[in-house]
PDB file of all heavy atoms in Angstrom:
ATOM      1  N   HIS A   1      14.990  24.622 -13.102  1.00  0.00           N
ATOM      2  CA  HIS A   1      14.535  23.908 -11.955  1.00  0.00           C
ATOM      3  C   HIS A   1      12.991  23.764 -11.922  1.00  0.00           C
ATOM      4  O   HIS A   1      12.479  22.718 -11.572  1.00  0.00           O
ATOM      5  CB  HIS A   1      14.918  24.649 -10.657  1.00  0.00           C
ATOM      6  CG  HIS A   1      14.568  23.858  -9.378  1.00  0.00           C
ATOM      7  ND1 HIS A   1      15.243  22.688  -9.106  1.00  0.00           N
ATOM      8  CD2 HIS A   1      13.713  24.115  -8.435  1.00  0.00           C
ATOM      9  CE1 HIS A   1      14.692  22.218  -7.976  1.00  0.00           C
ATOM     10  NE2 HIS A   1      13.805  23.126  -7.548  1.00  0.00           N
ATOM     11  N   THR A   2      12.247  24.795 -12.430  1.00  0.00           N
ATOM     12  CA  THR A   2      10.794  24.753 -12.396  1.00  0.00           C
ATOM     13  C   THR A   2      10.363  23.694 -13.454  1.00  0.00           C
ATOM     14  O   THR A   2       9.472  22.851 -13.214  1.00  0.00           O
ATOM     15  CB  THR A   2      10.193  26.096 -12.860  1.00  0.00           C
ATOM     16  OG1 THR A   2      10.551  27.069 -11.905  1.00  0.00           O
ATOM     17  CG2 THR A   2       8.719  26.013 -13.143  1.00  0.00           C
ATOM     18  N   GLY A   3      11.082  23.559 -14.531  1.00  0.00           N
ATOM     19  CA  GLY A   3      10.802  22.530 -15.555  1.00  0.00           C
ATOM     20  C   GLY A   3      11.134  21.131 -14.900  1.00  0.00           C
ATOM     21  O   GLY A   3      10.312  20.208 -15.249  1.00  0.00           O
ATOM     22  N   TYR A   4      12.193  20.981 -14.291  1.00  0.00           N
ATOM     23  CA  TYR A   4      12.491  19.755 -13.696  1.00  0.00           C
ATOM     24  C   TYR A   4      11.388  19.299 -12.631  1.00  0.00           C
ATOM     25  O   TYR A   4      10.920  18.161 -12.630  1.00  0.00           O
ATOM     26  CB  TYR A   4      13.804  19.820 -12.894  1.00  0.00           C
ATOM     27  CG  TYR A   4      14.249  18.572 -12.112  1.00  0.00           C
ATOM     28  CD1 TYR A   4      14.698  17.396 -12.777  1.00  0.00           C
ATOM     29  CD2 TYR A   4      14.153  18.523 -10.724  1.00  0.00           C
ATOM     30  CE1 TYR A   4      15.050  16.315 -12.242  1.00  0.00           C
ATOM     31  CE2 TYR A   4      14.485  17.268 -10.117  1.00  0.00           C
ATOM     32  CZ  TYR A   4      14.962  16.186 -10.810  1.00  0.00           C
ATOM     33  OH  TYR A   4      15.330  15.105 -10.127  1.00  0.00           O
ATOM     34  N   GLN A   5      10.933  20.286 -11.845  1.00  0.00           N
ATOM     35  CA  GLN A   5       9.816  19.952 -10.929  1.00  0.00           C
ATOM     36  C   GLN A   5       8.540  19.575 -11.716  1.00  0.00           C
ATOM     37  O   GLN A   5       7.848  18.612 -11.275  1.00  0.00           O
ATOM     38  CB  GLN A   5       9.506  21.148 -10.030  1.00  0.00           C
ATOM     39  CG  GLN A   5      10.669  21.447  -9.042  1.00  0.00           C
ATOM     40  CD  GLN A   5      10.462  22.652  -8.182  1.00  0.00           C
ATOM     41  OE1 GLN A   5       9.946  23.706  -8.662  1.00  0.00           O
ATOM     42  NE2 GLN A   5      10.706  22.545  -6.932  1.00  0.00           N
ATOM     43  N   ASN A   6       8.310  20.251 -12.720  1.00  0.00           N
ATOM     44  CA  ASN A   6       7.107  19.930 -13.509  1.00  0.00           C
ATOM     45  C   ASN A   6       7.219  18.572 -14.232  1.00  0.00           C
ATOM     46  O   ASN A   6       6.208  17.821 -14.311  1.00  0.00           O
ATOM     47  CB  ASN A   6       6.727  21.041 -14.575  1.00  0.00           C
ATOM     48  CG  ASN A   6       6.115  22.221 -13.868  1.00  0.00           C
ATOM     49  OD1 ASN A   6       5.423  22.034 -12.886  1.00  0.00           O
ATOM     50  ND2 ASN A   6       6.351  23.403 -14.449  1.00  0.00           N
ATOM     51  N   LEU A   7       8.403  18.172 -14.687  1.00  0.00           N
ATOM     52  CA  LEU A   7       8.627  16.862 -15.184  1.00  0.00           C
ATOM     53  C   LEU A   7       8.349  15.747 -14.130  1.00  0.00           C
ATOM     54  O   LEU A   7       7.667  14.758 -14.345  1.00  0.00           O
ATOM     55  CB  LEU A   7      10.047  16.642 -15.755  1.00  0.00           C
ATOM     56  CG  LEU A   7      10.391  17.320 -17.123  1.00  0.00           C
ATOM     57  CD1 LEU A   7      11.826  17.044 -17.479  1.00  0.00           C
ATOM     58  CD2 LEU A   7       9.425  16.819 -18.154  1.00  0.00           C
ATOM     59  N   MET A   8       8.746  16.086 -12.869  1.00  0.00           N
ATOM     60  CA  MET A   8       8.480  15.081 -11.782  1.00  0.00           C
ATOM     61  C   MET A   8       6.977  14.961 -11.544  1.00  0.00           C
ATOM     62  O   MET A   8       6.466  13.911 -11.308  1.00  0.00           O
ATOM     63  CB  MET A   8       9.234  15.552 -10.566  1.00  0.00           C
ATOM     64  CG  MET A   8      10.746  15.304 -10.582  1.00  0.00           C
ATOM     65  SD  MET A   8      11.670  15.470  -9.082  1.00  0.00           S
ATOM     66  CE  MET A   8      11.332  17.231  -8.623  1.00  0.00           C
ATOM     67  N   LYS A   9       6.313  16.081 -11.643  1.00  0.00           N
ATOM     68  CA  LYS A   9       4.796  16.053 -11.461  1.00  0.00           C
ATOM     69  C   LYS A   9       4.230  15.223 -12.542  1.00  0.00           C
ATOM     70  O   LYS A   9       3.222  14.404 -12.299  1.00  0.00           O
ATOM     71  CB  LYS A   9       4.263  17.429 -11.488  1.00  0.00           C
ATOM     72  CG  LYS A   9       4.533  18.239 -10.286  1.00  0.00           C
ATOM     73  CD  LYS A   9       3.930  19.718 -10.434  1.00  0.00           C
ATOM     74  CE  LYS A   9       4.485  20.643  -9.304  1.00  0.00           C
ATOM     75  NZ  LYS A   9       3.996  21.961  -9.546  1.00  0.00           N
ATOM     76  N   LEU A  10       4.650  15.388 -13.796  1.00  0.00           N
ATOM     77  CA  LEU A  10       4.142  14.628 -14.858  1.00  0.00           C
ATOM     78  C   LEU A  10       4.376  13.147 -14.736  1.00  0.00           C
ATOM     79  O   LEU A  10       3.425  12.320 -14.966  1.00  0.00           O
ATOM     80  CB  LEU A  10       4.629  15.110 -16.186  1.00  0.00           C
ATOM     81  CG  LEU A  10       4.238  16.506 -16.576  1.00  0.00           C
ATOM     82  CD1 LEU A  10       5.090  17.036 -17.755  1.00  0.00           C
ATOM     83  CD2 LEU A  10       2.823  16.669 -16.887  1.00  0.00           C
ATOM     84  N   VAL A  11       5.588  12.725 -14.295  1.00  0.00           N
ATOM     85  CA  VAL A  11       5.946  11.352 -14.176  1.00  0.00           C
ATOM     86  C   VAL A  11       5.097  10.710 -12.997  1.00  0.00           C
ATOM     87  O   VAL A  11       4.671   9.630 -13.047  1.00  0.00           O
ATOM     88  CB  VAL A  11       7.390  11.190 -13.920  1.00  0.00           C
ATOM     89  CG1 VAL A  11       7.768   9.805 -13.370  1.00  0.00           C
ATOM     90  CG2 VAL A  11       8.188  11.516 -15.204  1.00  0.00           C
ATOM     91  N   THR A  12       5.014  11.509 -11.985  1.00  0.00           N
ATOM     92  CA  THR A  12       4.133  11.033 -10.822  1.00  0.00           C
ATOM     93  C   THR A  12       2.696  10.761 -11.304  1.00  0.00           C
ATOM     94  O   THR A  12       2.218   9.665 -10.963  1.00  0.00           O
ATOM     95  CB  THR A  12       4.222  12.024  -9.606  1.00  0.00           C
ATOM     96  OG1 THR A  12       5.613  12.192  -9.235  1.00  0.00           O
ATOM     97  CG2 THR A  12       3.389  11.533  -8.454  1.00  0.00           C
ATOM     98  N   HIS A  13       2.134  11.702 -11.972  1.00  0.00           N
ATOM     99  CA  HIS A  13       0.743  11.549 -12.434  1.00  0.00           C
ATOM    100  C   HIS A  13       0.706  10.322 -13.399  1.00  0.00           C
ATOM    101  O   HIS A  13      -0.218   9.550 -13.278  1.00  0.00           O
ATOM    102  CB  HIS A  13       0.271  12.821 -13.157  1.00  0.00           C
ATOM    103  CG  HIS A  13      -1.053  12.481 -13.936  1.00  0.00           C
ATOM    104  ND1 HIS A  13      -2.229  12.643 -13.273  1.00  0.00           N
ATOM    105  CD2 HIS A  13      -1.280  12.232 -15.190  1.00  0.00           C
ATOM    106  CE1 HIS A  13      -3.237  12.319 -14.098  1.00  0.00           C
ATOM    107  NE2 HIS A  13      -2.568  11.992 -15.350  1.00  0.00           N
ATOM    108  N   SER A  14       1.690  10.145 -14.234  1.00  0.00           N
ATOM    109  CA  SER A  14       1.601   9.122 -15.277  1.00  0.00           C
ATOM    110  C   SER A  14       1.646   7.722 -14.625  1.00  0.00           C
ATOM    111  O   SER A  14       0.954   6.855 -15.073  1.00  0.00           O
ATOM    112  CB  SER A  14       2.716   9.300 -16.315  1.00  0.00           C
ATOM    113  OG  SER A  14       3.990   8.981 -15.761  1.00  0.00           O
ATOM    114  N   ASN A  15       2.383   7.633 -13.629  1.00  0.00           N
ATOM    115  CA  ASN A  15       2.473   6.319 -12.882  1.00  0.00           C
ATOM    116  C   ASN A  15       1.474   6.020 -11.898  1.00  0.00           C
ATOM    117  O   ASN A  15       0.948   4.867 -11.708  1.00  0.00           O
ATOM    118  CB  ASN A  15       3.912   6.181 -12.234  1.00  0.00           C
ATOM    119  CG  ASN A  15       5.010   5.876 -13.207  1.00  0.00           C
ATOM    120  OD1 ASN A  15       5.187   4.701 -13.641  1.00  0.00           O
ATOM    121  ND2 ASN A  15       5.692   6.854 -13.674  1.00  0.00           N
ATOM    122  N   LEU A  16       0.968   7.037 -11.154  1.00  0.00           N
ATOM    123  CA  LEU A  16      -0.025   6.820 -10.139  1.00  0.00           C
ATOM    124  C   LEU A  16      -1.493   6.896 -10.648  1.00  0.00           C
ATOM    125  O   LEU A  16      -2.374   6.169 -10.178  1.00  0.00           O
ATOM    126  CB  LEU A  16       0.137   7.890  -8.983  1.00  0.00           C
ATOM    127  CG  LEU A  16       1.408   7.792  -8.209  1.00  0.00           C
ATOM    128  CD1 LEU A  16       1.421   8.839  -7.090  1.00  0.00           C
ATOM    129  CD2 LEU A  16       1.562   6.430  -7.563  1.00  0.00           C
ATOM    130  N   ASN A  17      -1.681   7.697 -11.613  1.00  0.00           N
ATOM    131  CA  ASN A  17      -3.113   7.928 -12.098  1.00  0.00           C
ATOM    132  C   ASN A  17      -3.324   7.496 -13.539  1.00  0.00           C
ATOM    133  O   ASN A  17      -4.309   6.980 -13.861  1.00  0.00           O
ATOM    134  CB  ASN A  17      -3.489   9.507 -12.074  1.00  0.00           C
ATOM    135  CG  ASN A  17      -3.295  10.015 -10.603  1.00  0.00           C
ATOM    136  OD1 ASN A  17      -3.670   9.404  -9.646  1.00  0.00           O
ATOM    137  ND2 ASN A  17      -2.712  11.144 -10.544  1.00  0.00           N
ATOM    138  N   GLY A  18      -2.340   7.723 -14.362  1.00  0.00           N
ATOM    139  CA  GLY A  18      -2.456   7.463 -15.823  1.00  0.00           C
ATOM    140  C   GLY A  18      -2.070   6.178 -16.310  1.00  0.00           C
ATOM    141  O   GLY A  18      -2.077   5.821 -17.468  1.00  0.00           O
ATOM    142  N   PHE A  19      -1.600   5.279 -15.421  1.00  0.00           N
ATOM    143  CA  PHE A  19      -1.037   3.951 -15.940  1.00  0.00           C
ATOM    144  C   PHE A  19      -2.121   3.066 -16.546  1.00  0.00           C
ATOM    145  O   PHE A  19      -3.041   2.754 -15.827  1.00  0.00           O
ATOM    146  CB  PHE A  19      -0.234   3.298 -14.747  1.00  0.00           C
ATOM    147  CG  PHE A  19       0.666   2.210 -15.255  1.00  0.00           C
ATOM    148  CD1 PHE A  19       1.972   2.595 -15.388  1.00  0.00           C
ATOM    149  CD2 PHE A  19       0.230   0.952 -15.707  1.00  0.00           C
ATOM    150  CE1 PHE A  19       2.960   1.594 -15.952  1.00  0.00           C
ATOM    151  CE2 PHE A  19       1.258   0.073 -16.225  1.00  0.00           C
ATOM    152  CZ  PHE A  19       2.441   0.358 -16.367  1.00  0.00           C
ATOM    153  N   TYR A  20      -1.847   2.721 -17.799  1.00  0.00           N
ATOM    154  CA  TYR A  20      -2.671   1.767 -18.493  1.00  0.00           C
ATOM    155  C   TYR A  20      -1.792   1.256 -19.587  1.00  0.00           C
ATOM    156  O   TYR A  20      -1.552   1.871 -20.591  1.00  0.00           O
ATOM    157  CB  TYR A  20      -4.023   2.480 -19.096  1.00  0.00           C
ATOM    158  CG  TYR A  20      -4.831   1.533 -19.753  1.00  0.00           C
ATOM    159  CD1 TYR A  20      -5.468   0.414 -19.085  1.00  0.00           C
ATOM    160  CD2 TYR A  20      -5.121   1.711 -21.181  1.00  0.00           C
ATOM    161  CE1 TYR A  20      -6.349  -0.424 -19.811  1.00  0.00           C
ATOM    162  CE2 TYR A  20      -5.919   0.764 -21.854  1.00  0.00           C
ATOM    163  CZ  TYR A  20      -6.599  -0.230 -21.091  1.00  0.00           C
ATOM    164  OH  TYR A  20      -7.359  -1.142 -21.751  1.00  0.00           O
ATOM    165  N   TYR A  21      -1.205   0.099 -19.320  1.00  0.00           N
ATOM    166  CA  TYR A  21      -0.158  -0.471 -20.182  1.00  0.00           C
ATOM    167  C   TYR A  21       1.146   0.247 -20.087  1.00  0.00           C
ATOM    168  O   TYR A  21       2.197  -0.342 -20.131  1.00  0.00           O
ATOM    169  CB  TYR A  21      -0.648  -0.695 -21.589  1.00  0.00           C
ATOM    170  CG  TYR A  21      -1.737  -1.789 -21.859  1.00  0.00           C
ATOM    171  CD1 TYR A  21      -3.023  -1.449 -21.644  1.00  0.00           C
ATOM    172  CD2 TYR A  21      -1.333  -3.002 -22.145  1.00  0.00           C
ATOM    173  CE1 TYR A  21      -3.997  -2.416 -21.787  1.00  0.00           C
ATOM    174  CE2 TYR A  21      -2.290  -4.017 -22.258  1.00  0.00           C
ATOM    175  CZ  TYR A  21      -3.601  -3.692 -22.108  1.00  0.00           C
ATOM    176  OH  TYR A  21      -4.582  -4.707 -22.237  1.00  0.00           O
ATOM    177  N   LYS A  22       1.088   1.583 -20.135  1.00  0.00           N
ATOM    178  CA  LYS A  22       2.293   2.434 -19.988  1.00  0.00           C
ATOM    179  C   LYS A  22       1.861   3.578 -19.098  1.00  0.00           C
ATOM    180  O   LYS A  22       0.646   3.938 -18.954  1.00  0.00           O
ATOM    181  CB  LYS A  22       2.668   2.934 -21.361  1.00  0.00           C
ATOM    182  CG  LYS A  22       3.171   1.963 -22.307  1.00  0.00           C
ATOM    183  CD  LYS A  22       3.591   2.518 -23.634  1.00  0.00           C
ATOM    184  CE  LYS A  22       3.924   1.490 -24.661  1.00  0.00           C
ATOM    185  NZ  LYS A  22       4.687   0.287 -24.342  1.00  0.00           N
ATOM    186  N   PRO A  23       2.911   4.262 -18.529  1.00  0.00           N
ATOM    187  CA  PRO A  23       2.547   5.373 -17.645  1.00  0.00           C
ATOM    188  C   PRO A  23       2.283   6.574 -18.520  1.00  0.00           C
ATOM    189  O   PRO A  23       3.101   7.076 -19.299  1.00  0.00           O
ATOM    190  CB  PRO A  23       3.889   5.680 -16.852  1.00  0.00           C
ATOM    191  CG  PRO A  23       4.930   4.989 -17.694  1.00  0.00           C
ATOM    192  CD  PRO A  23       4.253   3.926 -18.452  1.00  0.00           C
ATOM    193  N   ARG A  24       1.034   7.107 -18.485  1.00  0.00           N
ATOM    194  CA  ARG A  24       0.550   8.137 -19.390  1.00  0.00           C
ATOM    195  C   ARG A  24       0.203   9.461 -18.718  1.00  0.00           C
ATOM    196  O   ARG A  24      -0.357   9.538 -17.694  1.00  0.00           O
ATOM    197  CB  ARG A  24      -0.696   7.632 -20.195  1.00  0.00           C
ATOM    198  CG  ARG A  24      -0.487   6.385 -20.905  1.00  0.00           C
ATOM    199  CD  ARG A  24      -1.826   5.688 -21.457  1.00  0.00           C
ATOM    200  NE  ARG A  24      -2.705   5.664 -20.307  1.00  0.00           N
ATOM    201  CZ  ARG A  24      -3.955   5.925 -20.370  1.00  0.00           C
ATOM    202  NH1 ARG A  24      -4.492   6.417 -21.469  1.00  0.00           N
ATOM    203  NH2 ARG A  24      -4.703   5.886 -19.263  1.00  0.00           N
ATOM    204  N   ILE A  25       0.430  10.569 -19.503  1.00  0.00           N
ATOM    205  CA  ILE A  25       0.003  11.812 -19.200  1.00  0.00           C
ATOM    206  C   ILE A  25      -1.064  12.180 -20.226  1.00  0.00           C
ATOM    207  O   ILE A  25      -1.309  11.415 -21.144  1.00  0.00           O
ATOM    208  CB  ILE A  25       1.094  12.935 -19.144  1.00  0.00           C
ATOM    209  CG1 ILE A  25       1.781  13.044 -20.512  1.00  0.00           C
ATOM    210  CG2 ILE A  25       2.059  12.603 -18.001  1.00  0.00           C
ATOM    211  CD1 ILE A  25       2.816  14.165 -20.530  1.00  0.00           C
ATOM    212  N   ASP A  26      -1.566  13.390 -20.210  1.00  0.00           N
ATOM    213  CA  ASP A  26      -2.445  13.884 -21.247  1.00  0.00           C
ATOM    214  C   ASP A  26      -2.275  15.389 -21.478  1.00  0.00           C
ATOM    215  O   ASP A  26      -1.436  15.989 -20.730  1.00  0.00           O
ATOM    216  CB  ASP A  26      -3.911  13.527 -20.994  1.00  0.00           C
ATOM    217  CG  ASP A  26      -4.487  14.144 -19.604  1.00  0.00           C
ATOM    218  OD1 ASP A  26      -4.185  15.374 -19.363  1.00  0.00           O
ATOM    219  OD2 ASP A  26      -5.122  13.479 -18.911  1.00  0.00           O
ATOM    220  N   LYS A  27      -2.827  15.893 -22.468  1.00  0.00           N
ATOM    221  CA  LYS A  27      -2.575  17.337 -22.822  1.00  0.00           C
ATOM    222  C   LYS A  27      -3.028  18.273 -21.754  1.00  0.00           C
ATOM    223  O   LYS A  27      -2.365  19.328 -21.547  1.00  0.00           O
ATOM    224  CB  LYS A  27      -3.279  17.678 -24.147  1.00  0.00           C
ATOM    225  CG  LYS A  27      -2.473  17.193 -25.327  1.00  0.00           C
ATOM    226  CD  LYS A  27      -3.126  17.710 -26.655  1.00  0.00           C
ATOM    227  CE  LYS A  27      -2.327  17.368 -27.849  1.00  0.00           C
ATOM    228  NZ  LYS A  27      -2.987  17.705 -29.078  1.00  0.00           N
ATOM    229  N   LYS A  28      -4.082  18.003 -20.995  1.00  0.00           N
ATOM    230  CA  LYS A  28      -4.572  18.837 -19.969  1.00  0.00           C
ATOM    231  C   LYS A  28      -3.517  18.985 -18.831  1.00  0.00           C
ATOM    232  O   LYS A  28      -3.164  20.117 -18.468  1.00  0.00           O
ATOM    233  CB  LYS A  28      -5.829  18.281 -19.379  1.00  0.00           C
ATOM    234  CG  LYS A  28      -6.393  19.256 -18.336  1.00  0.00           C
ATOM    235  CD  LYS A  28      -7.759  18.688 -17.783  1.00  0.00           C
ATOM    236  CE  LYS A  28      -8.249  19.674 -16.752  1.00  0.00           C
ATOM    237  NZ  LYS A  28      -8.710  18.959 -15.502  1.00  0.00           N
ATOM    238  N   ILE A  29      -2.979  17.870 -18.352  1.00  0.00           N
ATOM    239  CA  ILE A  29      -2.038  17.958 -17.324  1.00  0.00           C
ATOM    240  C   ILE A  29      -0.702  18.503 -17.829  1.00  0.00           C
ATOM    241  O   ILE A  29       0.099  19.200 -17.095  1.00  0.00           O
ATOM    242  CB  ILE A  29      -1.730  16.571 -16.574  1.00  0.00           C
ATOM    243  CG1 ILE A  29      -0.998  16.824 -15.275  1.00  0.00           C
ATOM    244  CG2 ILE A  29      -1.145  15.550 -17.431  1.00  0.00           C
ATOM    245  CD1 ILE A  29      -1.137  15.797 -14.191  1.00  0.00           C
ATOM    246  N   LEU A  30      -0.353  18.294 -19.131  1.00  0.00           N
ATOM    247  CA  LEU A  30       0.866  18.740 -19.676  1.00  0.00           C
ATOM    248  C   LEU A  30       0.765  20.342 -19.692  1.00  0.00           C
ATOM    249  O   LEU A  30       1.688  20.991 -19.414  1.00  0.00           O
ATOM    250  CB  LEU A  30       1.054  18.193 -21.076  1.00  0.00           C
ATOM    251  CG  LEU A  30       2.258  18.693 -21.809  1.00  0.00           C
ATOM    252  CD1 LEU A  30       3.627  18.349 -20.962  1.00  0.00           C
ATOM    253  CD2 LEU A  30       2.287  17.952 -23.158  1.00  0.00           C
ATOM    254  N   GLU A  31      -0.453  20.840 -20.112  1.00  0.00           N
ATOM    255  CA  GLU A  31      -0.605  22.257 -20.205  1.00  0.00           C
ATOM    256  C   GLU A  31      -0.524  22.877 -18.812  1.00  0.00           C
ATOM    257  O   GLU A  31       0.143  23.974 -18.681  1.00  0.00           O
ATOM    258  CB  GLU A  31      -1.938  22.600 -20.812  1.00  0.00           C
ATOM    259  CG  GLU A  31      -2.185  24.038 -21.111  1.00  0.00           C
ATOM    260  CD  GLU A  31      -3.497  24.259 -21.860  1.00  0.00           C
ATOM    261  OE1 GLU A  31      -4.200  23.382 -22.164  1.00  0.00           O
ATOM    262  OE2 GLU A  31      -3.669  25.453 -22.252  1.00  0.00           O
ATOM    263  N   GLU A  32      -1.006  22.282 -17.848  1.00  0.00           N
ATOM    264  CA  GLU A  32      -0.920  22.806 -16.454  1.00  0.00           C
ATOM    265  C   GLU A  32       0.434  22.787 -15.936  1.00  0.00           C
ATOM    266  O   GLU A  32       0.703  23.515 -14.921  1.00  0.00           O
ATOM    267  CB  GLU A  32      -1.845  21.930 -15.563  1.00  0.00           C
ATOM    268  CG  GLU A  32      -3.440  22.067 -15.823  1.00  0.00           C
ATOM    269  CD  GLU A  32      -4.191  21.027 -15.074  1.00  0.00           C
ATOM    270  OE1 GLU A  32      -3.591  20.116 -14.427  1.00  0.00           O
ATOM    271  OE2 GLU A  32      -5.505  21.065 -15.314  1.00  0.00           O
ATOM    272  N   ASN A  33       1.330  21.935 -16.396  1.00  0.00           N
ATOM    273  CA  ASN A  33       2.699  21.845 -15.906  1.00  0.00           C
ATOM    274  C   ASN A  33       3.668  22.059 -16.987  1.00  0.00           C
ATOM    275  O   ASN A  33       4.778  21.476 -16.965  1.00  0.00           O
ATOM    276  CB  ASN A  33       2.880  20.411 -15.306  1.00  0.00           C
ATOM    277  CG  ASN A  33       2.002  20.282 -14.143  1.00  0.00           C
ATOM    278  OD1 ASN A  33       2.258  20.662 -13.053  1.00  0.00           O
ATOM    279  ND2 ASN A  33       0.895  19.494 -14.265  1.00  0.00           N
ATOM    280  N   SER A  34       3.480  22.979 -17.916  1.00  0.00           N
ATOM    281  CA  SER A  34       4.366  23.178 -19.083  1.00  0.00           C
ATOM    282  C   SER A  34       5.479  24.165 -18.802  1.00  0.00           C
ATOM    283  O   SER A  34       6.441  24.289 -19.503  1.00  0.00           O
ATOM    284  CB  SER A  34       3.568  23.672 -20.311  1.00  0.00           C
ATOM    285  OG  SER A  34       2.963  24.838 -20.074  1.00  0.00           O
ATOM    286  N   GLN A  35       5.401  25.024 -17.743  1.00  0.00           N
ATOM    287  CA  GLN A  35       6.342  26.014 -17.456  1.00  0.00           C
ATOM    288  C   GLN A  35       7.767  25.421 -17.202  1.00  0.00           C
ATOM    289  O   GLN A  35       7.947  24.423 -16.538  1.00  0.00           O
ATOM    290  CB  GLN A  35       5.928  26.867 -16.351  1.00  0.00           C
ATOM    291  CG  GLN A  35       6.828  28.032 -16.055  1.00  0.00           C
ATOM    292  CD  GLN A  35       6.358  28.873 -14.846  1.00  0.00           C
ATOM    293  OE1 GLN A  35       5.410  28.582 -14.221  1.00  0.00           O
ATOM    294  NE2 GLN A  35       7.105  29.970 -14.698  1.00  0.00           N
ATOM    295  N   GLY A  36       8.719  25.954 -17.922  1.00  0.00           N
ATOM    296  CA  GLY A  36      10.102  25.513 -17.776  1.00  0.00           C
ATOM    297  C   GLY A  36      10.444  24.258 -18.519  1.00  0.00           C
ATOM    298  O   GLY A  36      11.464  23.681 -18.313  1.00  0.00           O
ATOM    299  N   ILE A  37       9.526  23.821 -19.499  1.00  0.00           N
ATOM    300  CA  ILE A  37       9.766  22.597 -20.258  1.00  0.00           C
ATOM    301  C   ILE A  37       9.889  23.028 -21.704  1.00  0.00           C
ATOM    302  O   ILE A  37       9.119  23.833 -22.179  1.00  0.00           O
ATOM    303  CB  ILE A  37       8.608  21.554 -20.032  1.00  0.00           C
ATOM    304  CG1 ILE A  37       8.573  21.077 -18.563  1.00  0.00           C
ATOM    305  CG2 ILE A  37       8.693  20.401 -20.979  1.00  0.00           C
ATOM    306  CD1 ILE A  37       7.501  20.158 -18.233  1.00  0.00           C
ATOM    307  N   ILE A  38      10.799  22.286 -22.329  1.00  0.00           N
ATOM    308  CA  ILE A  38      11.022  22.315 -23.834  1.00  0.00           C
ATOM    309  C   ILE A  38      10.353  21.127 -24.390  1.00  0.00           C
ATOM    310  O   ILE A  38      10.717  19.978 -23.917  1.00  0.00           O
ATOM    311  CB  ILE A  38      12.492  22.460 -24.171  1.00  0.00           C
ATOM    312  CG1 ILE A  38      13.029  23.806 -23.665  1.00  0.00           C
ATOM    313  CG2 ILE A  38      12.649  22.387 -25.643  1.00  0.00           C
ATOM    314  CD1 ILE A  38      14.568  23.826 -23.748  1.00  0.00           C
ATOM    315  N   ALA A  39       9.458  21.254 -25.392  1.00  0.00           N
ATOM    316  CA  ALA A  39       8.816  20.103 -25.964  1.00  0.00           C
ATOM    317  C   ALA A  39       9.419  19.989 -27.400  1.00  0.00           C
ATOM    318  O   ALA A  39       9.622  20.896 -28.127  1.00  0.00           O
ATOM    319  CB  ALA A  39       7.334  20.424 -26.122  1.00  0.00           C
ATOM    320  N   LEU A  40       9.791  18.672 -27.775  1.00  0.00           N
ATOM    321  CA  LEU A  40      10.240  18.319 -29.030  1.00  0.00           C
ATOM    322  C   LEU A  40       9.142  17.547 -29.816  1.00  0.00           C
ATOM    323  O   LEU A  40       8.524  16.699 -29.184  1.00  0.00           O
ATOM    324  CB  LEU A  40      11.499  17.536 -28.904  1.00  0.00           C
ATOM    325  CG  LEU A  40      12.630  18.025 -28.110  1.00  0.00           C
ATOM    326  CD1 LEU A  40      13.848  17.156 -28.080  1.00  0.00           C
ATOM    327  CD2 LEU A  40      13.079  19.473 -28.583  1.00  0.00           C
ATOM    328  N   SER A  41       8.955  17.778 -31.023  1.00  0.00           N
ATOM    329  CA  SER A  41       7.871  17.168 -31.741  1.00  0.00           C
ATOM    330  C   SER A  41       7.881  15.643 -31.699  1.00  0.00           C
ATOM    331  O   SER A  41       6.777  15.075 -31.846  1.00  0.00           O
ATOM    332  CB  SER A  41       7.826  17.644 -33.194  1.00  0.00           C
ATOM    333  OG  SER A  41       8.933  17.310 -33.956  1.00  0.00           O
ATOM    334  N   GLY A  42       9.008  15.099 -31.619  1.00  0.00           N
ATOM    335  CA  GLY A  42       9.056  13.687 -31.301  1.00  0.00           C
ATOM    336  C   GLY A  42       9.392  12.736 -32.470  1.00  0.00           C
ATOM    337  O   GLY A  42       9.604  13.145 -33.559  1.00  0.00           O
TER     338      GLY A  42
END
């Protein structure tokens, strides 16, 4: 559940603050909201 909440925070930031051609996050906000999240190399 914590990870789900953190994903919602990241999506909100990406659309409200980070949008530039695409909704973007950055490593700083990701690090601040990484608890409960699994990252895949992509």
